[in-house]
Protein backbone atom coordinates (compact mmCIF):
# COMPACT_ATOMS: atom_id res chain seq x y z
CA MET A 1 36.95 -82.89 60.11
CA GLN A 2 38.85 -79.61 60.33
CA PHE A 3 39.66 -77.11 57.58
CA ASN A 4 43.26 -77.17 58.84
CA SER A 5 43.75 -80.94 58.44
CA TYR A 6 45.65 -82.70 55.69
CA ILE A 7 42.72 -85.00 54.89
CA PHE A 8 40.46 -81.99 54.32
CA ILE A 9 42.91 -79.91 52.33
CA LEU A 10 44.42 -82.66 50.18
CA VAL A 11 41.52 -85.09 49.84
CA PHE A 12 38.08 -83.85 50.83
CA LEU A 13 38.22 -80.33 49.38
CA PRO A 14 39.59 -81.21 45.92
CA LEU A 15 37.13 -84.10 45.59
CA ALA A 16 34.19 -81.94 46.65
CA VAL A 17 35.05 -79.20 44.14
CA ILE A 18 35.70 -81.62 41.25
CA LEU A 19 32.58 -83.73 41.89
CA TYR A 20 30.39 -80.66 42.37
CA PHE A 21 31.24 -79.19 38.98
CA SER A 22 31.37 -82.55 37.21
CA ALA A 23 27.89 -83.45 38.46
CA GLY A 24 26.43 -79.96 38.22
CA MET A 25 27.41 -79.54 34.57
CA GLN A 26 25.52 -82.77 33.80
CA LYS A 27 22.42 -81.66 35.65
CA PRO A 28 22.14 -78.87 38.28
CA VAL A 29 20.27 -81.13 40.69
CA PHE A 30 23.26 -83.51 40.74
CA GLY A 31 25.51 -80.69 41.91
CA LYS A 32 23.17 -79.96 44.79
CA ILE A 33 23.18 -83.64 45.76
CA VAL A 34 27.01 -83.59 45.83
CA LEU A 35 26.98 -80.57 48.17
CA ILE A 36 24.43 -82.26 50.43
CA ALA A 37 26.51 -85.44 50.55
CA ALA A 38 29.67 -83.44 51.22
CA GLY A 39 27.96 -81.62 54.09
CA LEU A 40 26.70 -84.90 55.63
CA ILE A 41 30.16 -86.50 55.41
CA PHE A 42 31.86 -83.34 56.75
CA TYR A 43 29.51 -83.03 59.70
CA GLY A 44 29.17 -86.76 60.24
CA CYS A 45 32.87 -87.01 61.07
CA GLY A 46 31.96 -85.41 64.37
CA GLY A 47 29.80 -88.38 65.39
CA TYR A 48 26.52 -90.05 64.50
CA GLU A 49 24.71 -88.56 67.53
CA MET A 50 25.33 -85.03 66.31
CA LEU A 51 24.36 -85.95 62.73
CA ALA A 52 21.14 -87.54 63.97
CA LEU A 53 20.25 -84.38 65.95
CA LEU A 54 20.91 -82.19 62.95
CA PHE A 55 18.69 -84.43 60.81
CA ILE A 56 15.85 -84.26 63.32
CA SER A 57 16.20 -80.49 63.48
CA MET A 58 16.12 -80.24 59.68
CA ILE A 59 13.02 -82.44 59.41
CA ILE A 60 11.13 -80.34 61.97
CA ASN A 61 12.13 -77.08 60.35
CA TYR A 62 11.46 -78.10 56.75
CA LEU A 63 8.00 -79.48 57.56
CA SER A 64 7.29 -76.30 59.47
CA ALA A 65 8.43 -74.25 56.48
CA LEU A 66 6.04 -76.14 54.19
CA VAL A 67 3.09 -75.39 56.51
CA ILE A 68 4.09 -71.72 56.84
CA HIS A 69 4.44 -71.40 53.07
CA ARG A 70 0.78 -72.33 52.61
CA ARG A 71 -0.18 -69.17 54.53
CA ARG A 72 -2.79 -70.88 56.65
CA PRO A 73 -4.66 -68.76 59.22
CA GLY A 74 -2.42 -68.26 62.20
CA HIS A 75 0.76 -68.81 60.22
CA ARG A 76 2.61 -66.35 62.49
CA MET A 77 2.01 -68.71 65.37
CA LEU A 78 3.12 -71.57 63.16
CA THR A 79 6.35 -69.65 62.61
CA ALA A 80 6.77 -69.01 66.33
CA LEU A 81 6.34 -72.68 67.31
CA PRO A 82 9.32 -74.11 65.34
CA VAL A 83 11.42 -71.11 66.40
CA ILE A 84 10.64 -72.02 70.01
CA VAL A 85 11.59 -75.64 69.30
CA ASN A 86 14.92 -74.52 67.78
CA VAL A 87 15.70 -72.28 70.73
CA GLY A 88 14.61 -75.01 73.11
CA LEU A 89 17.03 -77.54 71.60
CA LEU A 90 19.83 -74.97 71.80
CA LEU A 91 18.97 -74.19 75.44
CA TYR A 92 18.89 -77.84 76.39
CA PHE A 93 22.17 -78.91 74.80
CA LYS A 94 24.11 -75.76 75.61
CA TYR A 95 22.62 -74.32 78.80
CA TYR A 96 20.82 -77.06 80.77
CA ASN A 97 23.68 -77.88 83.09
CA PHE A 98 24.55 -74.19 83.53
CA LEU A 99 21.00 -73.55 84.63
CA ILE A 100 20.93 -76.51 87.02
CA ILE A 101 24.25 -75.57 88.62
CA ASN A 102 23.09 -72.02 89.23
CA LEU A 103 19.72 -73.13 90.54
CA ASN A 104 21.53 -75.37 93.02
CA THR A 105 23.71 -72.45 94.08
CA PHE A 106 20.84 -70.00 94.60
CA THR A 107 18.28 -72.43 96.11
CA GLY A 108 20.54 -74.78 98.07
CA LYS A 109 19.11 -77.79 96.27
CA ASP A 110 21.16 -80.68 94.91
CA MET A 111 19.74 -81.37 91.45
CA SER A 112 21.97 -83.56 89.36
CA VAL A 113 23.52 -82.42 86.11
CA LYS A 114 23.40 -84.54 82.96
CA ASP A 115 26.14 -85.84 80.70
CA ILE A 116 25.05 -83.82 77.67
CA PHE A 117 27.23 -83.57 74.58
CA LEU A 118 27.51 -80.20 72.83
CA PRO A 119 26.70 -80.66 69.12
CA LEU A 120 29.21 -79.00 66.80
CA GLY A 121 27.89 -75.83 65.19
CA ILE A 122 24.50 -75.93 66.98
CA SER A 123 24.61 -72.18 67.71
CA PHE A 124 25.20 -71.45 64.03
CA TYR A 125 22.84 -73.91 62.37
CA THR A 126 20.07 -73.03 64.84
CA PHE A 127 20.26 -69.39 63.74
CA GLN A 128 20.31 -70.47 60.09
CA GLN A 129 17.19 -72.58 60.64
CA ILE A 130 15.44 -69.58 62.23
CA ALA A 131 16.52 -67.37 59.35
CA TYR A 132 15.03 -69.87 56.86
CA LEU A 133 11.70 -69.99 58.71
CA ALA A 134 11.59 -66.18 58.86
CA ALA A 135 12.39 -65.90 55.14
CA VAL A 136 9.54 -68.32 54.28
CA SER A 137 7.14 -66.48 56.59
CA LYS A 138 7.98 -63.10 55.03
CA GLY A 139 7.65 -64.42 51.49
CA GLU A 140 11.34 -63.85 50.70
CA LEU A 141 11.55 -67.32 49.06
CA GLU A 142 9.51 -68.13 45.98
CA ARG A 143 9.38 -71.83 46.88
CA THR A 144 10.37 -74.21 49.64
CA ASP A 145 12.44 -76.68 47.65
CA LEU A 146 13.79 -79.56 49.74
CA LEU A 147 17.19 -79.71 48.01
CA ASP A 148 17.66 -75.95 48.21
CA TYR A 149 16.89 -76.07 51.94
CA MET A 150 19.26 -78.97 52.56
CA VAL A 151 22.10 -77.32 50.64
CA PHE A 152 21.54 -74.06 52.58
CA ILE A 153 21.78 -75.80 55.96
CA LEU A 154 24.43 -78.40 55.06
CA PHE A 155 26.75 -76.23 52.94
CA PHE A 156 29.97 -77.44 54.54
CA PRO A 157 32.07 -74.25 54.33
CA LYS A 158 29.66 -72.36 56.61
CA LEU A 159 27.99 -75.25 58.48
CA LEU A 160 30.00 -75.18 61.71
CA MET A 161 31.07 -71.57 62.22
CA GLY A 162 29.33 -69.46 59.64
CA PRO A 163 29.30 -66.81 58.43
CA LEU A 164 25.55 -66.59 58.88
CA MET A 165 23.79 -65.94 55.59
CA GLU A 166 20.37 -64.85 54.35
CA PRO A 167 18.58 -67.87 52.79
CA ALA A 168 17.35 -65.93 49.75
CA ASP A 169 20.86 -64.73 48.89
CA PHE A 170 22.32 -68.20 49.14
CA ILE A 171 19.54 -70.00 47.29
CA LEU A 172 19.63 -67.45 44.48
CA GLN A 173 23.31 -68.20 43.94
CA ILE A 174 22.97 -71.99 44.13
CA ASN A 175 20.33 -71.85 41.36
CA ASP A 176 22.22 -69.45 39.12
CA ASP A 177 23.07 -71.31 35.89
CA THR A 178 26.06 -69.02 35.23
CA ARG A 179 27.75 -70.47 38.34
CA LYS A 180 27.61 -74.12 37.29
CA LYS A 181 31.00 -74.19 35.57
CA PRO A 182 34.39 -73.77 37.27
CA ASP A 183 35.73 -70.22 37.05
CA ALA A 184 39.51 -69.77 37.05
CA LYS A 185 39.18 -66.27 38.50
CA ASN A 186 37.04 -67.49 41.39
CA ILE A 187 39.29 -70.47 42.05
CA ALA A 188 42.30 -68.11 42.20
CA ALA A 189 40.40 -65.73 44.54
CA GLY A 190 39.36 -68.72 46.65
CA LEU A 191 42.93 -69.97 46.89
CA ARG A 192 44.07 -66.53 48.05
CA LEU A 193 41.40 -66.38 50.77
CA PHE A 194 41.88 -69.98 51.86
CA SER A 195 45.69 -69.58 52.02
CA ALA A 196 45.38 -66.37 54.08
CA GLY A 197 43.05 -68.10 56.50
CA LEU A 198 45.29 -71.17 56.73
CA ILE A 199 48.29 -68.97 57.66
CA LYS A 200 46.21 -67.06 60.20
CA LYS A 201 45.20 -70.31 61.86
CA THR A 202 48.28 -72.53 61.67
CA LEU A 203 51.03 -69.93 62.10
CA PHE A 204 49.52 -67.20 64.22
CA ALA A 205 46.45 -68.50 66.12
CA ASP A 206 47.99 -71.84 67.05
CA THR A 207 51.25 -70.21 68.16
CA PHE A 208 49.45 -67.73 70.39
CA ALA A 209 47.28 -70.59 71.70
CA LEU A 210 50.39 -72.36 72.96
CA ALA A 211 51.55 -69.17 74.73
CA VAL A 212 48.08 -68.59 76.27
CA SER A 213 47.90 -72.16 77.59
CA ARG A 214 51.39 -71.80 79.07
CA VAL A 215 50.40 -68.69 81.06
CA TYR A 216 47.19 -70.35 82.32
CA ALA A 217 49.13 -73.46 83.37
CA ASP A 218 50.87 -71.34 86.07
CA ILE A 219 48.48 -68.46 86.29
CA PHE A 220 48.74 -67.98 90.05
CA THR A 221 52.51 -67.51 89.84
CA ALA A 222 52.43 -65.56 86.55
CA THR A 223 54.13 -62.15 86.58
CA SER A 224 52.37 -58.90 85.75
CA MET A 225 54.08 -58.84 82.36
CA ASP A 226 52.90 -62.41 81.73
CA CYS A 227 49.31 -61.28 82.36
CA ILE A 228 49.65 -58.26 80.06
CA LEU A 229 51.06 -60.51 77.33
CA LEU A 230 48.27 -63.06 77.99
CA MET A 231 45.66 -60.46 77.11
CA LEU A 232 47.51 -59.50 73.92
CA PHE A 233 48.12 -63.11 72.93
CA TYR A 234 44.46 -64.07 73.37
CA THR A 235 43.26 -60.99 71.57
CA PHE A 236 45.31 -61.98 68.54
CA GLU A 237 44.55 -65.69 68.93
CA ILE A 238 40.78 -65.28 68.78
CA TYR A 239 40.99 -62.90 65.83
CA PHE A 240 43.37 -65.02 63.77
CA ASP A 241 41.49 -68.18 64.67
CA PHE A 242 37.96 -67.00 63.82
CA SER A 243 38.78 -64.66 60.93
CA GLY A 244 41.08 -67.41 59.60
CA TYR A 245 38.16 -69.82 59.57
CA SER A 246 35.96 -67.24 57.88
CA ASP A 247 38.59 -66.57 55.22
CA MET A 248 38.94 -70.30 54.58
CA ALA A 249 35.16 -70.75 54.41
CA SER A 250 34.85 -67.85 51.96
CA GLY A 251 37.78 -69.21 49.93
CA ILE A 252 36.21 -72.64 49.63
CA SER A 253 32.89 -71.10 48.67
CA ALA A 254 34.55 -68.90 46.05
CA MET A 255 36.04 -72.03 44.45
CA LEU A 256 32.44 -73.34 44.23
CA ASN A 257 31.27 -70.01 42.72
CA ILE A 258 29.33 -69.14 45.88
CA GLU A 259 29.97 -65.78 47.57
CA LEU A 260 29.72 -65.65 51.36
CA PRO A 261 29.34 -62.30 53.13
CA MET A 262 32.34 -60.55 54.71
CA ASN A 263 32.51 -61.53 58.39
CA PHE A 264 35.51 -59.48 59.55
CA ASP A 265 36.56 -56.01 58.39
CA SER A 266 39.84 -55.30 60.19
CA PRO A 267 38.11 -55.05 63.63
CA TYR A 268 41.24 -53.99 65.52
CA LYS A 269 41.33 -50.76 63.51
CA ALA A 270 38.14 -49.73 65.34
CA LEU A 271 38.04 -46.28 66.98
CA SER A 272 35.13 -47.15 69.31
CA VAL A 273 33.23 -50.17 70.56
CA SER A 274 30.36 -49.43 68.16
CA ASP A 275 32.90 -49.25 65.33
CA PHE A 276 34.32 -52.57 66.49
CA TRP A 277 30.91 -54.22 66.19
CA LYS A 278 30.56 -52.97 62.63
CA ARG A 279 33.77 -54.88 61.86
CA TRP A 280 33.70 -58.02 64.13
CA HIS A 281 31.53 -61.06 63.32
CA ILE A 282 29.48 -58.91 60.97
CA SER A 283 27.04 -61.68 60.06
CA LEU A 284 26.11 -62.27 63.72
CA THR A 285 25.63 -58.54 64.32
CA GLY A 286 23.39 -58.38 61.24
CA PHE A 287 21.37 -61.40 62.38
CA LEU A 288 20.81 -60.04 65.89
CA THR A 289 19.91 -56.60 64.48
CA LYS A 290 17.38 -58.00 62.01
CA TYR A 291 15.74 -60.64 64.18
CA ILE A 292 15.97 -59.15 67.70
CA TYR A 293 16.91 -55.45 67.84
CA ILE A 294 14.51 -54.22 65.10
CA PRO A 295 11.51 -56.36 66.26
CA LEU A 296 12.05 -54.99 69.79
CA GLY A 297 11.64 -51.47 68.37
CA GLY A 298 15.23 -50.66 67.51
CA SER A 299 15.87 -46.98 68.03
CA ARG A 300 12.32 -45.89 67.15
CA LYS A 301 10.77 -45.81 70.65
CA GLY A 302 12.81 -43.31 72.59
CA ARG A 303 16.24 -43.20 74.16
CA VAL A 304 15.56 -45.42 77.21
CA ARG A 305 13.90 -48.11 75.14
CA THR A 306 16.79 -47.98 72.65
CA TYR A 307 19.31 -48.57 75.44
CA ILE A 308 17.24 -51.46 76.79
CA ASN A 309 17.10 -53.00 73.32
CA ILE A 310 20.88 -52.66 72.88
CA LEU A 311 21.51 -54.30 76.26
CA THR A 312 19.08 -57.10 75.42
CA VAL A 313 20.83 -57.83 72.13
CA PHE A 314 24.26 -57.95 73.70
CA LEU A 315 23.05 -60.08 76.62
CA ILE A 316 21.75 -62.58 74.04
CA SER A 317 25.03 -62.29 72.14
CA GLY A 318 26.95 -63.13 75.30
CA LEU A 319 24.72 -66.12 76.09
CA TRP A 320 24.93 -67.33 72.50
CA HIS A 321 28.70 -67.55 72.85
CA GLY A 322 28.59 -69.84 75.87
CA ALA A 323 27.01 -70.98 79.14
CA ASN A 324 29.08 -69.13 81.65
CA TRP A 325 28.75 -65.91 83.66
CA THR A 326 31.87 -64.66 81.92
CA PHE A 327 30.00 -64.57 78.60
CA ILE A 328 27.02 -62.86 80.20
CA LEU A 329 29.24 -60.22 81.75
CA TRP A 330 31.11 -59.83 78.47
CA GLY A 331 27.83 -59.18 76.65
CA LEU A 332 26.49 -56.76 79.26
CA ILE A 333 29.68 -54.67 79.36
CA HIS A 334 29.74 -54.49 75.58
CA GLY A 335 26.09 -53.42 75.67
CA LEU A 336 26.85 -50.70 78.21
CA LEU A 337 29.79 -49.45 76.15
CA MET A 338 27.55 -49.38 73.06
CA CYS A 339 25.02 -47.26 74.99
CA LEU A 340 27.79 -44.88 76.09
CA ASP A 341 29.00 -44.61 72.49
CA ARG A 342 25.48 -43.76 71.40
CA ALA A 343 25.10 -41.15 74.14
CA PHE A 344 28.53 -39.46 73.81
CA GLY A 345 29.56 -40.36 70.26
CA LYS A 346 29.77 -36.76 69.08
CA ILE A 347 32.04 -35.87 71.96
CA GLU A 348 34.23 -38.92 71.32
CA GLU A 349 34.76 -37.85 67.72
CA ARG A 350 36.63 -34.76 68.90
CA ILE A 351 39.26 -36.88 70.66
CA PHE A 352 42.58 -37.50 68.95
CA ARG A 353 42.20 -40.61 66.72
CA PRO A 354 45.21 -42.52 68.14
CA VAL A 355 43.87 -42.02 71.65
CA ARG A 356 40.43 -43.31 70.60
CA TRP A 357 42.07 -46.33 68.97
CA ALA A 358 44.23 -47.08 72.01
CA VAL A 359 41.33 -46.84 74.47
CA THR A 360 39.15 -49.08 72.27
CA PHE A 361 41.87 -51.67 71.73
CA ILE A 362 42.62 -51.86 75.47
CA MET A 363 38.94 -52.26 76.31
CA ILE A 364 38.61 -55.05 73.74
CA ASN A 365 41.68 -56.78 75.23
CA ILE A 366 40.24 -56.59 78.74
CA LEU A 367 36.88 -58.00 77.63
CA TRP A 368 38.36 -60.83 75.52
CA LEU A 369 40.07 -61.99 78.70
CA LEU A 370 36.60 -62.96 79.96
CA PHE A 371 36.39 -65.52 77.15
CA SER A 372 39.59 -67.26 78.13
CA ALA A 373 39.57 -66.90 81.94
CA GLY A 374 36.65 -69.27 82.57
CA SER A 375 35.48 -67.44 85.70
CA VAL A 376 34.85 -63.85 86.71
CA GLU A 377 37.08 -64.27 89.75
CA LEU A 378 40.08 -65.42 87.65
CA TRP A 379 39.41 -62.63 85.15
CA TYR A 380 39.54 -60.06 87.96
CA MET A 381 42.71 -61.54 89.42
CA ILE A 382 44.53 -61.48 86.08
CA LEU A 383 43.30 -57.98 85.34
CA LYS A 384 44.47 -56.73 88.72
CA LYS A 385 47.95 -58.22 88.12
CA ALA A 386 48.10 -56.59 84.69
CA VAL A 387 46.98 -53.14 85.90
CA PHE A 388 49.09 -52.97 89.05
CA VAL A 389 52.41 -53.94 87.52
CA ARG A 390 54.89 -55.35 90.01
CA GLU A 391 57.16 -57.49 87.86
CA TRP A 392 58.38 -56.56 84.40
CA THR A 393 59.94 -59.94 83.75
CA VAL A 394 58.54 -62.50 81.30
CA SER A 395 58.57 -66.19 82.20
CA SER A 396 61.10 -68.17 80.17
CA ASP A 397 58.52 -70.98 79.76
CA LEU A 398 56.22 -68.51 78.03
CA ILE A 399 58.88 -67.34 75.58
CA SER A 400 59.87 -70.93 74.77
CA ARG A 401 56.37 -71.61 73.40
CA PHE A 402 57.19 -69.71 70.21
CA PRO A 403 57.98 -72.44 67.67
CA PHE A 404 61.11 -71.49 65.73
CA THR A 405 63.77 -70.14 68.09
CA GLY A 406 61.87 -69.76 71.35
CA THR A 407 63.48 -66.39 72.09
CA VAL A 408 62.14 -63.03 73.25
CA TRP A 409 63.02 -61.67 69.80
CA GLU A 410 60.77 -64.21 68.10
CA MET A 411 57.95 -63.30 70.47
CA ALA A 412 58.45 -59.62 69.64
CA ILE A 413 58.43 -60.38 65.89
CA PHE A 414 55.19 -62.34 66.21
CA LEU A 415 53.53 -59.46 68.08
CA ALA A 416 54.85 -56.84 65.65
CA ALA A 417 53.70 -58.91 62.67
CA SER A 418 50.27 -59.34 64.29
CA PHE A 419 49.84 -55.60 64.85
CA PHE A 420 50.95 -54.94 61.28
CA ILE A 421 48.52 -57.47 59.77
CA CYS A 422 45.63 -56.17 61.86
CA LEU A 423 46.27 -52.46 61.42
CA VAL A 424 48.08 -51.69 58.17
CA PRO A 425 47.02 -53.60 55.01
CA GLU A 426 43.63 -53.47 53.38
CA ASN A 427 41.37 -56.34 54.38
CA ILE A 428 42.07 -59.26 52.04
CA PHE A 429 38.36 -59.83 51.48
CA ARG A 430 38.12 -56.45 49.76
CA ASN A 431 40.79 -57.29 47.15
CA LYS A 432 40.27 -61.04 46.94
CA GLU A 433 39.72 -60.91 43.17
CA ARG A 434 43.16 -59.48 42.38
CA SER A 435 44.71 -61.77 39.79
CA ASP A 436 48.13 -60.21 39.23
CA THR A 437 51.13 -62.53 39.23
CA LYS A 438 52.45 -61.19 42.56
CA SER A 439 49.13 -61.99 44.34
CA LEU A 440 48.89 -65.47 42.89
CA VAL A 441 52.53 -66.29 43.77
CA LEU A 442 51.94 -65.02 47.29
CA ALA A 443 48.81 -67.18 47.56
CA VAL A 444 50.65 -70.30 46.48
CA VAL A 445 53.58 -69.61 48.84
CA SER A 446 51.13 -68.96 51.71
CA PHE A 447 49.27 -72.18 50.91
CA VAL A 448 52.44 -74.28 50.94
CA PHE A 449 53.75 -72.60 54.09
CA GLY A 450 50.38 -73.03 55.76
CA LEU A 451 50.46 -76.73 54.94
CA LEU A 452 53.91 -77.02 56.49
CA CYS A 453 52.65 -75.30 59.63
CA VAL A 454 49.61 -77.59 60.03
CA GLY A 455 51.44 -80.02 62.36
CA SER A 456 48.94 -81.49 64.78
CA GLU A 457 45.32 -80.74 63.91
CA SER A 458 43.99 -78.06 66.28
CA VAL A 459 40.35 -77.22 66.95
CA PHE A 460 39.02 -73.77 66.07
CA LEU A 461 38.05 -71.73 69.13
CA TYR A 462 34.50 -71.03 67.98
CA PHE A 463 33.75 -74.80 67.88
CA GLY A 464 33.38 -74.37 71.64
CA PHE A 465 30.92 -71.55 71.28
């Protein structure tokens, strides 16, 4: 079930909100049961195999949490064991075939690959399971309540694509008696966020997705200008797609009186790669910093060790996104750029701000191309075409992918609007609680227009990661 589907927007979401408050006002535990049931139904729509795997994972992790909570001798090892199991499941389902294919390439063997399905959201809920175990181990949770744990993992707004959240913060909110009744202000704020995300996904991300697929359909005959536009289109597609999902998730949660953390803070305003990573997928950056970078020593053990730690974190970030050398290269290059930022940051600050922005934005464009290209060789070919411009023409098939008039003017308007949205206004998350008439009218109009743009249900990009 997708956030951008009619059945979710018009049936599932209203029922979930109404039943949650109706049950929760009778008895708080009933509200939790409604959220658990909603999460199971929401995730179960993806298939019983995936639901069964999630259930097995939850059983293992909750039993492990109970043992850890008792503080038996050697509890650190007891924490490490379920973490290894979690990572092992993720490695098997997401990386087994990638490993076998590369072993065959490097060793000359002919080991067979397996027909392994990729469970929806496994990268996200694995990290949430690890966060829960760590919170129990560190004593951040007063108790290991089964229903609290199940709501934390199965909370449907964040189940598939985040944002990642600290267990203690979430569980504190879900047990707050002041949040058990519907709040008109929160519902209005939630509608604004959800509507903004719906527009980002259905109008912008899906439109750019059509254009991107058109270029890749004839990539070997694409012009230089097609390749330049491809990079721009995908840069906007991935932002509007993922930030749109995050806005919708935060909007749904706000309607339920639960506050999710900000996941995107206008990342294309960044003046450096390190600034970009303070703004892009903030919850993932925070998770990797807390659970990998700091335990490795962070920046406390000298310059060389700091650079190694940064590269390690970004290598893991690349692998977390997908089983392909393009993701590994993407992570390593980002890590190298982060090291350069750290080494020469004071010099960079003296450079004219528009120049810093332009260089950063171009670098981000080039690296996003690794996500869509599928292979390092194709990435290099497209990049070479884009850098050494030979043809300034744009394919008519590409222009025709824009939905309303299919003209070059419409394409230009979409690009101009995208730049404006990404660079000019304040992030909607920061002023989500505005309740003036203008904001509410805009939210309703956006919601209706977003519904009209839904068309065929399209999958969010990060479902594949």
